[in-house]
Amino acid sequence: MEYIGDRISIKRIENETSIVILSTVDKLKKKLLFVWFALWTICGIIVFTQYFTIKDEQTKVAILVWMGFWAYFEYKIFKAVMWRSFGVEKIRIRDRKLFYRKAIRGKGKLKTYEFDFIKDFKVIESKENSFFENLNNSYWVIAGEKLVFDYYGKEIKFGFQLSDADARALFKYIKNKM
């Protein structure tokens, strides 16, 4: 088994190559994210229970609106916790095809891309002073892909929050296989 950085492992078996990109290696940040999720859940439960004790209709409407926002962010934080705890990106290269799966606990949709139709495979260059670039690279967000290619006119991205050096090394490796 070969490694690129802390998160990428490569395994070669006969005419197949398997690449696994872990979602995280920082245990402290993972614990802090879970604590944030737990506290957010507790706050939502407390506000929801107070809804039934309030008599003023305008306050009830305000709480319902707040609960809508709370539920949305509860879902987003839950997805981030699951991704950071159990998520991996799996790439297999076999028979002139690239198979990609973003999996959480082994579950995720397998997507197949034929080499003949992959165009403009490249590394996404990061913009250092960009607000959205910093947001996409934050720990609690599932975003910040570093590799991209065009497949039948659709932009396919993968390699969540890889460092620039790891992204370039993985790009070179996959490009050589193609």
Protein backbone atom coordinates (compact mmCIF):
# COMPACT_ATOMS: atom_id res chain seq x y z
CA MET A 1 0.00 0.00 0.00
CA GLU A 2 1.19 3.45 -0.92
CA TYR A 3 0.29 6.72 0.80
CA ILE A 4 -0.04 10.31 -0.39
CA GLY A 5 -0.11 12.65 2.59
CA ASP A 6 -2.05 11.73 5.72
CA ARG A 7 -5.42 10.96 4.13
CA ILE A 8 -4.86 9.22 0.78
CA SER A 9 -3.99 5.53 0.41
CA ILE A 10 -3.44 3.67 -2.86
CA LYS A 11 -3.62 -0.09 -3.34
CA ARG A 12 -2.78 -1.87 -6.59
CA ILE A 13 -4.18 -5.31 -7.38
CA GLU A 14 -3.35 -6.78 -10.81
CA ASN A 15 -5.10 -4.49 -13.33
CA GLU A 16 -7.05 -2.46 -10.75
CA THR A 17 -6.07 0.51 -8.62
CA SER A 18 -8.01 1.47 -5.50
CA ILE A 19 -7.67 4.92 -3.94
CA VAL A 20 -9.22 5.84 -0.59
CA ILE A 21 -9.39 9.42 0.67
CA LEU A 22 -10.28 9.70 4.35
CA SER A 23 -12.55 12.55 5.40
CA THR A 24 -10.46 13.58 8.40
CA VAL A 25 -7.54 12.83 10.67
CA ASP A 26 -8.04 15.54 13.31
CA LYS A 27 -9.64 13.88 16.35
CA LEU A 28 -9.94 17.09 18.40
CA LYS A 29 -11.91 18.87 15.69
CA LYS A 30 -14.12 15.81 15.28
CA LYS A 31 -14.91 15.83 19.02
CA LEU A 32 -15.62 19.57 18.98
CA LEU A 33 -17.95 19.12 16.00
CA PHE A 34 -19.83 16.41 17.88
CA VAL A 35 -20.11 18.63 20.98
CA TRP A 36 -21.48 21.43 18.79
CA PHE A 37 -24.04 19.00 17.30
CA ALA A 38 -25.09 17.77 20.77
CA LEU A 39 -25.49 21.30 22.15
CA TRP A 40 -27.38 22.42 19.04
CA THR A 41 -29.75 19.46 19.47
CA ILE A 42 -30.32 20.23 23.16
CA CYS A 43 -31.04 23.91 22.39
CA GLY A 44 -33.59 22.93 19.76
CA ILE A 45 -35.34 20.53 22.11
CA ILE A 46 -35.51 23.19 24.84
CA VAL A 47 -37.00 25.79 22.48
CA PHE A 48 -39.46 23.25 21.06
CA THR A 49 -40.73 22.31 24.54
CA GLN A 50 -41.26 25.99 25.35
CA TYR A 51 -43.52 26.36 22.31
CA PHE A 52 -46.36 24.62 24.16
CA THR A 53 -46.19 26.92 27.21
CA ILE A 54 -46.44 30.20 25.24
CA LYS A 55 -49.87 31.82 24.77
CA ASP A 56 -48.94 34.71 22.43
CA GLU A 57 -49.56 33.75 18.77
CA GLN A 58 -46.85 36.03 17.36
CA THR A 59 -44.24 34.44 19.62
CA LYS A 60 -45.43 30.99 18.55
CA VAL A 61 -44.97 31.95 14.89
CA ALA A 62 -41.50 33.30 15.63
CA ILE A 63 -40.59 30.04 17.37
CA LEU A 64 -41.88 28.01 14.41
CA VAL A 65 -39.75 30.06 12.02
CA TRP A 66 -36.74 29.63 14.30
CA MET A 67 -37.43 25.87 14.48
CA GLY A 68 -37.37 25.74 10.67
CA PHE A 69 -33.89 27.26 10.62
CA TRP A 70 -32.86 25.07 13.53
CA ALA A 71 -34.03 21.90 11.73
CA TYR A 72 -32.12 22.85 8.57
CA PHE A 73 -28.87 23.40 10.44
CA GLU A 74 -29.48 20.30 12.59
CA TYR A 75 -29.58 18.29 9.36
CA LYS A 76 -26.44 19.98 7.97
CA ILE A 77 -24.48 19.48 11.20
CA PHE A 78 -25.63 15.84 11.40
CA LYS A 79 -24.39 15.24 7.85
CA ALA A 80 -21.05 16.87 8.71
CA VAL A 81 -20.67 14.76 11.87
CA MET A 82 -21.44 11.58 9.94
CA TRP A 83 -19.05 12.54 7.13
CA ARG A 84 -16.22 13.39 9.51
CA SER A 85 -16.77 10.22 11.56
CA PHE A 86 -17.45 7.62 8.86
CA GLY A 87 -16.95 9.24 5.45
CA VAL A 88 -14.48 8.23 2.75
CA GLU A 89 -14.06 8.88 -0.93
CA LYS A 90 -13.34 5.70 -2.87
CA ILE A 91 -11.89 5.75 -6.36
CA ARG A 92 -11.22 2.63 -8.40
CA ILE A 93 -9.51 2.61 -11.76
CA ARG A 94 -10.12 -0.48 -13.89
CA ASP A 95 -10.76 -1.29 -17.55
CA ARG A 96 -10.29 2.33 -18.70
CA LYS A 97 -12.98 3.47 -16.27
CA LEU A 98 -12.94 5.55 -13.11
CA PHE A 99 -15.39 4.45 -10.42
CA TYR A 100 -16.16 7.01 -7.71
CA ARG A 101 -18.12 6.67 -4.48
CA LYS A 102 -18.57 9.18 -1.68
CA ALA A 103 -19.44 6.74 1.10
CA ILE A 104 -20.62 7.11 4.68
CA ARG A 105 -20.44 3.82 6.59
CA GLY A 106 -19.91 2.01 3.30
CA LYS A 107 -23.06 3.41 1.73
CA GLY A 108 -23.04 5.74 -1.22
CA LYS A 109 -23.87 5.75 -4.89
CA LEU A 110 -21.20 4.34 -7.19
CA LYS A 111 -20.64 6.49 -10.26
CA THR A 112 -18.81 5.25 -13.33
CA TYR A 113 -16.85 7.46 -15.72
CA GLU A 114 -15.21 6.16 -18.91
CA PHE A 115 -11.75 7.57 -19.66
CA ASP A 116 -12.69 8.33 -23.29
CA PHE A 117 -15.26 10.91 -22.18
CA ILE A 118 -13.30 12.55 -19.35
CA LYS A 119 -12.12 15.97 -20.52
CA ASP A 120 -10.19 18.82 -18.87
CA PHE A 121 -9.07 16.87 -15.81
CA LYS A 122 -7.33 19.38 -13.53
CA VAL A 123 -6.59 20.59 -10.02
CA ILE A 124 -8.78 23.42 -8.76
CA GLU A 125 -6.45 26.23 -7.76
CA SER A 126 -7.26 27.76 -4.39
CA LYS A 127 -7.67 31.50 -3.90
CA GLU A 128 -6.01 32.39 -0.63
CA ASN A 129 -8.00 35.51 0.28
CA SER A 130 -11.40 34.29 -0.86
CA PHE A 131 -14.19 34.22 1.74
CA PHE A 132 -15.94 31.29 0.03
CA GLU A 133 -12.68 29.36 -0.35
CA ASN A 134 -12.09 29.69 3.41
CA LEU A 135 -15.70 28.68 4.12
CA ASN A 136 -15.44 25.60 1.86
CA ASN A 137 -12.27 24.52 3.63
CA SER A 138 -13.76 24.85 7.11
CA TYR A 139 -14.12 21.66 9.11
CA TRP A 140 -17.89 21.72 9.58
CA VAL A 141 -18.65 21.97 5.85
CA ILE A 142 -18.66 19.09 3.36
CA ALA A 143 -17.18 20.99 0.41
CA GLY A 144 -13.86 22.23 -0.93
CA GLU A 145 -13.25 19.75 -3.73
CA LYS A 146 -9.77 19.99 -5.26
CA LEU A 147 -9.99 17.86 -8.43
CA VAL A 148 -12.39 18.35 -11.31
CA PHE A 149 -13.08 17.00 -14.78
CA ASP A 150 -15.70 17.48 -17.47
CA TYR A 151 -17.87 14.46 -18.27
CA TYR A 152 -20.44 14.92 -21.03
CA GLY A 153 -20.56 18.64 -20.28
CA LYS A 154 -21.09 18.14 -16.54
CA GLU A 155 -18.45 19.23 -14.02
CA ILE A 156 -17.48 16.33 -11.72
CA LYS A 157 -15.60 17.30 -8.54
CA PHE A 158 -13.94 15.19 -5.87
CA GLY A 159 -11.07 15.26 -3.36
CA PHE A 160 -12.75 17.10 -0.49
CA GLN A 161 -10.45 19.54 1.33
CA LEU A 162 -7.17 18.05 0.16
CA SER A 163 -4.05 20.12 0.59
CA ASP A 164 -2.65 21.59 -2.62
CA ALA A 165 0.34 19.22 -2.53
CA ASP A 166 -1.86 16.15 -1.98
CA ALA A 167 -4.25 17.25 -4.72
CA ARG A 168 -1.41 17.70 -7.22
CA ALA A 169 0.12 14.31 -6.29
CA LEU A 170 -3.24 12.56 -6.65
CA PHE A 171 -3.87 14.37 -9.94
CA LYS A 172 -0.52 13.17 -11.34
CA TYR A 173 -1.21 9.61 -10.19
CA ILE A 174 -4.69 9.43 -11.74
CA LYS A 175 -3.54 11.23 -14.90
CA ASN A 176 -0.79 8.60 -15.36
CA LYS A 177 -3.38 5.83 -14.99
CA MET A 178 -5.57 7.48 -17.63
